[in-house]
């Protein structure tokens, strides 16, 4: 976990007396048993090598009549428009790498629901489509040009390189190839050129999020 996230959280929420942020190990939580009424997780369980061991630890610190709220993004349902073929191929390889490492890439909500069922928890599932839209205009592209220069734009795009590389290397990518991809496909000049060809259209991102509410079967 990035410790900067804790710093960011403390800056925004640390002033509240009933909020405490801390970094921990989901396999060995530093809390007594039966401590919490509600436990939430987002983008965690589906990435774990030993999800049931983590779930047992989360159940330990949950009260007997407590509940779990789990949020998960369905990776295979992510869509982005206008379509960039190179981005699509990159994302497909990213999913292939995730699958090779044994993590689910579709129906993640059902995957987590089945884990809870193995521990005798029943789950109610809700599915939400999160949609962001922005019209591509000359003014928008001018704002981007003012906000970014080539160096900080590549820094922005490259911040997540290590995260993606752990999966991409499983399908043959090298760090040199990934760096070259970022420098070419995410260069400010190329991005602006791509969107100039789509002025008047919408930049749209669609994400499907499952929200699961799990309680013990009585």
Protein backbone atom coordinates (compact mmCIF):
# COMPACT_ATOMS: atom_id res chain seq x y z
CA UNK A 1 0.00 0.00 0.00
CA UNK A 2 1.18 3.50 -0.79
CA UNK A 3 1.75 5.38 2.51
CA UNK A 4 0.94 8.59 0.64
CA UNK A 5 -2.69 7.46 0.66
CA UNK A 6 -2.67 7.60 4.46
CA UNK A 7 -1.21 11.11 4.34
CA UNK A 8 -3.84 12.18 1.83
CA UNK A 9 -6.59 10.68 3.98
CA UNK A 10 -5.31 12.31 7.16
CA UNK A 11 -5.26 15.67 5.39
CA UNK A 12 -8.89 15.36 4.33
CA UNK A 13 -10.46 13.38 7.17
CA UNK A 14 -7.97 13.38 10.03
CA UNK A 15 -9.71 16.30 11.74
CA UNK A 16 -12.69 14.08 12.61
CA UNK A 17 -12.32 12.45 16.03
CA UNK A 18 -14.17 9.28 15.02
CA UNK A 19 -12.00 8.56 11.96
CA UNK A 20 -8.62 6.86 12.30
CA UNK A 21 -6.54 5.81 9.29
CA UNK A 22 -3.84 3.16 9.53
CA UNK A 23 -1.92 0.79 7.29
CA UNK A 24 -2.25 -2.90 8.07
CA UNK A 25 -2.06 -6.50 6.92
CA UNK A 26 -5.39 -8.05 5.95
CA UNK A 27 -4.05 -11.50 6.87
CA UNK A 28 -3.21 -10.32 10.40
CA UNK A 29 -5.41 -7.43 11.46
CA UNK A 30 -4.27 -5.53 14.52
CA UNK A 31 -7.72 -5.45 16.14
CA UNK A 32 -9.43 -7.55 18.82
CA UNK A 33 -12.12 -10.04 17.90
CA UNK A 34 -15.74 -8.87 17.55
CA UNK A 35 -14.66 -5.23 17.16
CA UNK A 36 -16.67 -3.85 14.21
CA UNK A 37 -20.34 -3.66 13.23
CA UNK A 38 -19.54 -3.13 9.54
CA UNK A 39 -16.44 -3.98 7.52
CA UNK A 40 -16.01 -2.59 4.02
CA UNK A 41 -13.50 -3.38 1.29
CA UNK A 42 -12.99 -1.99 -2.19
CA UNK A 43 -10.73 -3.52 -4.81
CA UNK A 44 -9.12 -5.93 -2.35
CA UNK A 45 -10.51 -9.46 -2.06
CA UNK A 46 -10.37 -10.25 -5.79
CA UNK A 47 -6.63 -9.44 -5.83
CA UNK A 48 -5.60 -11.68 -2.93
CA UNK A 49 -3.62 -14.93 -3.29
CA UNK A 50 -5.31 -16.35 -0.17
CA UNK A 51 -8.74 -14.69 -0.09
CA UNK A 52 -10.32 -17.15 2.35
CA UNK A 53 -7.54 -16.66 4.90
CA UNK A 54 -8.08 -12.90 4.68
CA UNK A 55 -11.83 -13.37 4.89
CA UNK A 56 -11.46 -15.47 8.06
CA UNK A 57 -9.44 -12.67 9.63
CA UNK A 58 -12.04 -10.08 8.62
CA UNK A 59 -14.79 -12.28 10.07
CA UNK A 60 -12.81 -12.56 13.31
CA UNK A 61 -12.87 -8.80 13.90
CA UNK A 62 -16.51 -8.45 12.77
CA UNK A 63 -19.24 -8.71 15.40
CA UNK A 64 -21.39 -11.90 15.27
CA UNK A 65 -24.36 -9.93 13.90
CA UNK A 66 -22.23 -7.58 11.83
CA UNK A 67 -22.12 -7.20 8.08
CA UNK A 68 -19.69 -6.77 5.20
CA UNK A 69 -19.99 -4.25 2.37
CA UNK A 70 -17.77 -5.14 -0.57
CA UNK A 71 -17.26 -3.05 -3.70
CA UNK A 72 -15.66 -4.52 -6.80
CA UNK A 73 -15.12 -3.18 -10.33
CA UNK A 74 -15.95 -5.66 -13.10
CA UNK A 75 -12.76 -5.42 -15.14
CA UNK A 76 -14.13 -7.10 -18.27
CA UNK A 77 -17.00 -4.57 -18.51
CA UNK A 78 -14.82 -1.46 -18.61
CA UNK A 79 -15.35 0.65 -21.73
CA UNK A 80 -13.77 3.85 -22.97
CA UNK A 81 -14.75 6.01 -25.95
CA UNK A 82 -13.71 7.17 -28.48
CA UNK A 83 -12.06 3.85 -29.18
CA UNK A 84 -8.27 3.81 -29.39
CA UNK A 85 -7.16 0.48 -30.86
CA UNK A 86 -3.75 0.57 -29.18
CA UNK A 87 -5.34 1.23 -25.79
CA UNK A 88 -7.72 -1.68 -26.38
CA UNK A 89 -4.86 -4.10 -27.14
CA UNK A 90 -2.99 -2.88 -24.06
CA UNK A 91 -6.03 -3.49 -21.85
CA UNK A 92 -6.64 -6.96 -23.37
CA UNK A 93 -3.05 -7.97 -22.58
CA UNK A 94 -3.46 -6.57 -19.06
CA UNK A 95 -6.53 -8.80 -18.55
CA UNK A 96 -4.70 -11.83 -19.99
CA UNK A 97 -1.88 -11.26 -17.50
CA UNK A 98 -4.30 -11.01 -14.59
CA UNK A 99 -5.92 -14.29 -15.67
CA UNK A 100 -2.51 -16.01 -15.97
CA UNK A 101 -1.77 -15.07 -12.37
CA UNK A 102 -5.02 -16.72 -11.32
CA UNK A 103 -7.12 -13.67 -10.45
CA UNK A 104 -10.68 -13.30 -11.77
CA UNK A 105 -11.23 -10.94 -14.70
CA UNK A 106 -15.00 -11.25 -15.02
CA UNK A 107 -17.93 -11.91 -12.67
CA UNK A 108 -15.80 -10.71 -9.76
CA UNK A 109 -18.94 -10.01 -7.74
CA UNK A 110 -20.05 -13.64 -8.08
CA UNK A 111 -16.51 -14.77 -7.20
CA UNK A 112 -16.60 -12.80 -3.92
CA UNK A 113 -20.17 -13.90 -3.20
CA UNK A 114 -19.07 -17.55 -3.47
CA UNK A 115 -16.19 -16.91 -1.03
CA UNK A 116 -18.61 -15.53 1.55
CA UNK A 117 -20.94 -18.48 0.98
CA UNK A 118 -18.10 -20.85 1.86
CA UNK A 119 -18.00 -19.13 5.24
CA UNK A 120 -21.79 -19.38 5.61
CA UNK A 121 -22.61 -15.79 4.69
CA UNK A 122 -25.45 -14.87 2.37
CA UNK A 123 -25.05 -11.93 0.01
CA UNK A 124 -27.33 -9.37 -1.60
CA UNK A 125 -25.79 -7.97 -4.77
CA UNK A 126 -26.38 -4.61 -6.45
CA UNK A 127 -24.93 -3.61 -9.83
CA UNK A 128 -24.25 0.01 -10.78
CA UNK A 129 -23.04 1.51 -14.05
CA UNK A 130 -20.77 4.51 -13.45
CA UNK A 131 -20.62 6.73 -16.50
CA UNK A 132 -18.42 9.81 -17.04
CA UNK A 133 -18.88 11.95 -20.14
CA UNK A 134 -17.10 15.05 -21.43
CA UNK A 135 -17.58 16.66 -24.82
CA UNK A 136 -14.31 17.03 -26.72
CA UNK A 137 -13.89 20.68 -27.63
CA UNK A 138 -11.10 22.95 -28.77
CA UNK A 139 -11.32 24.77 -25.43
CA UNK A 140 -10.88 21.51 -23.50
CA UNK A 141 -7.75 20.62 -25.49
CA UNK A 142 -6.37 24.12 -24.93
CA UNK A 143 -6.85 23.67 -21.18
CA UNK A 144 -4.97 20.37 -21.32
CA UNK A 145 -2.09 22.04 -23.16
CA UNK A 146 -1.88 24.71 -20.45
CA UNK A 147 -2.19 22.22 -17.58
CA UNK A 148 0.42 19.74 -18.80
CA UNK A 149 3.82 19.77 -20.39
CA UNK A 150 5.47 16.74 -21.94
CA UNK A 151 7.42 15.80 -18.81
CA UNK A 152 4.67 15.98 -16.21
CA UNK A 153 2.19 14.34 -18.57
CA UNK A 154 4.46 11.30 -18.98
CA UNK A 155 5.07 11.27 -15.22
CA UNK A 156 1.30 11.24 -14.72
CA UNK A 157 0.85 8.38 -17.20
CA UNK A 158 3.84 6.42 -15.91
CA UNK A 159 2.94 6.47 -12.22
CA UNK A 160 1.02 3.21 -12.58
CA UNK A 161 3.64 1.47 -14.77
CA UNK A 162 4.79 -0.94 -12.05
CA UNK A 163 1.21 -1.95 -11.29
CA UNK A 164 0.47 -2.85 -14.91
CA UNK A 165 3.86 -4.43 -15.57
CA UNK A 166 3.36 -7.21 -13.00
CA UNK A 167 0.56 -8.50 -15.24
CA UNK A 168 1.87 -7.54 -18.68
CA UNK A 169 5.16 -9.36 -18.18
CA UNK A 170 3.17 -12.60 -17.90
CA UNK A 171 2.14 -12.21 -21.54
CA UNK A 172 5.57 -11.27 -22.87
CA UNK A 173 5.87 -7.53 -22.26
CA UNK A 174 9.23 -6.11 -21.18
CA UNK A 175 9.72 -2.92 -19.20
CA UNK A 176 11.32 -1.41 -22.28
CA UNK A 177 8.23 -2.19 -24.34
CA UNK A 178 5.92 -0.74 -21.69
CA UNK A 179 8.01 2.43 -21.37
CA UNK A 180 8.05 2.80 -25.16
CA UNK A 181 4.27 2.32 -25.24
CA UNK A 182 3.76 5.00 -22.59
CA UNK A 183 6.13 7.45 -24.29
CA UNK A 184 4.41 7.03 -27.66
CA UNK A 185 0.76 6.40 -26.87
CA UNK A 186 0.58 8.69 -23.87
CA UNK A 187 2.76 11.50 -25.14
CA UNK A 188 0.91 14.79 -24.81
CA UNK A 189 1.29 15.44 -28.54
CA UNK A 190 -0.20 12.08 -29.55
CA UNK A 191 -3.06 12.30 -27.06
CA UNK A 192 -4.01 15.77 -28.23
CA UNK A 193 -3.76 14.69 -31.87
CA UNK A 194 -6.05 11.73 -31.20
CA UNK A 195 -8.70 13.87 -29.53
CA UNK A 196 -8.46 16.62 -32.16
CA UNK A 197 -9.64 14.00 -34.65
CA UNK A 198 -12.73 13.47 -32.46
CA UNK A 199 -13.77 17.05 -31.65
CA UNK A 200 -17.51 17.21 -31.06
CA UNK A 201 -17.67 13.62 -29.79
CA UNK A 202 -17.79 12.59 -26.14
CA UNK A 203 -15.02 11.19 -24.01
CA UNK A 204 -16.93 8.50 -22.15
CA UNK A 205 -15.91 5.90 -19.58
CA UNK A 206 -18.23 3.15 -18.40
CA UNK A 207 -17.44 1.13 -15.28
CA UNK A 208 -19.62 -1.54 -13.74
CA UNK A 209 -19.39 -1.71 -9.94
CA UNK A 210 -20.89 -4.49 -7.84
CA UNK A 211 -21.84 -3.64 -4.26
CA UNK A 212 -22.27 -6.73 -2.09
CA UNK A 213 -23.92 -6.81 1.34
CA UNK A 214 -23.02 -10.00 3.21
CA UNK A 215 -24.45 -11.21 6.51
CA UNK A 216 -24.12 -14.45 8.43
CA UNK A 217 -26.64 -17.18 7.63
CA UNK A 218 -28.63 -17.88 10.81
